[in-house]
């Protein structure tokens, strides 16, 4: 399995203009598009634990990897 980053934009229910990105690293062996299609259970779990926030959008990307030169 590889890692992929799920980026979820959430906004406060009490202040809809207050939004921020939450970053989650997932064990996932697929493309970013496949990750985005299958992300709903992870997002639902987070929202269940953070009921004062609403999800406005989400996307998946490969985590940034910095190559080290020796």
Protein backbone atom coordinates (compact mmCIF):
# COMPACT_ATOMS: atom_id res chain seq x y z
CA UNK A 1 0.00 0.00 0.00
CA UNK A 2 1.05 3.57 -0.63
CA UNK A 3 0.21 6.78 1.10
CA UNK A 4 -2.05 9.47 -0.28
CA UNK A 5 -3.14 12.76 1.25
CA UNK A 6 -6.81 13.59 1.67
CA UNK A 7 -7.34 17.36 1.89
CA UNK A 8 -10.74 18.33 3.30
CA UNK A 9 -11.91 21.94 3.35
CA UNK A 10 -14.16 22.49 6.37
CA UNK A 11 -16.10 25.57 7.47
CA UNK A 12 -17.43 26.44 10.92
CA UNK A 13 -21.21 26.15 11.19
CA UNK A 14 -21.36 29.27 13.37
CA UNK A 15 -19.11 31.27 11.00
CA UNK A 16 -19.49 29.97 7.42
CA UNK A 17 -16.70 32.27 6.21
CA UNK A 18 -14.23 30.63 8.61
CA UNK A 19 -12.83 27.75 6.57
CA UNK A 20 -9.62 25.75 6.75
CA UNK A 21 -8.02 22.72 5.14
CA UNK A 22 -7.50 19.54 7.11
CA UNK A 23 -4.86 17.11 5.86
CA UNK A 24 -5.05 13.36 6.42
CA UNK A 25 -2.58 10.75 5.26
CA UNK A 26 -4.23 7.50 4.25
CA UNK A 27 -2.92 4.08 3.34
CA UNK A 28 -4.29 3.90 -0.17
CA UNK A 29 -3.14 2.12 -3.30
CA UNK A 30 -4.82 4.06 -6.06
CA UNK A 31 -4.98 7.33 -7.93
CA UNK A 32 -6.02 10.67 -6.42
CA UNK A 33 -9.31 10.43 -8.36
CA UNK A 34 -10.05 7.00 -6.86
CA UNK A 35 -9.18 8.33 -3.41
CA UNK A 36 -11.59 11.26 -3.79
CA UNK A 37 -14.38 8.90 -4.84
CA UNK A 38 -13.80 6.64 -1.83
CA UNK A 39 -13.13 9.37 0.77
CA UNK A 40 -16.68 9.77 2.07
CA UNK A 41 -16.42 7.24 4.94
CA UNK A 42 -13.28 9.00 6.27
CA UNK A 43 -14.96 12.38 5.96
CA UNK A 44 -18.15 11.15 7.65
CA UNK A 45 -16.13 9.81 10.58
CA UNK A 46 -14.33 13.15 11.01
CA UNK A 47 -17.59 15.12 10.84
CA UNK A 48 -19.12 12.78 13.44
CA UNK A 49 -16.26 13.69 15.78
CA UNK A 50 -16.39 17.43 14.91
CA UNK A 51 -20.10 18.38 14.66
CA UNK A 52 -19.42 22.15 14.63
CA UNK A 53 -17.85 21.92 11.16
CA UNK A 54 -19.24 21.38 7.65
CA UNK A 55 -17.31 19.95 4.72
CA UNK A 56 -17.32 22.20 1.68
CA UNK A 57 -15.05 20.12 -0.58
CA UNK A 58 -12.27 17.54 -0.64
CA UNK A 59 -9.50 16.31 -2.89
CA UNK A 60 -6.65 13.82 -2.82
CA UNK A 61 -3.02 14.29 -3.74
CA UNK A 62 0.18 12.36 -3.42
CA UNK A 63 2.14 13.57 -0.39
CA UNK A 64 5.05 15.84 -1.19
CA UNK A 65 8.23 13.85 -1.34
CA UNK A 66 11.52 15.62 -1.13
CA UNK A 67 14.42 13.72 -2.62
CA UNK A 68 17.55 13.91 -0.56
CA UNK A 69 20.86 14.22 -2.33
CA UNK A 70 23.80 12.60 -0.63
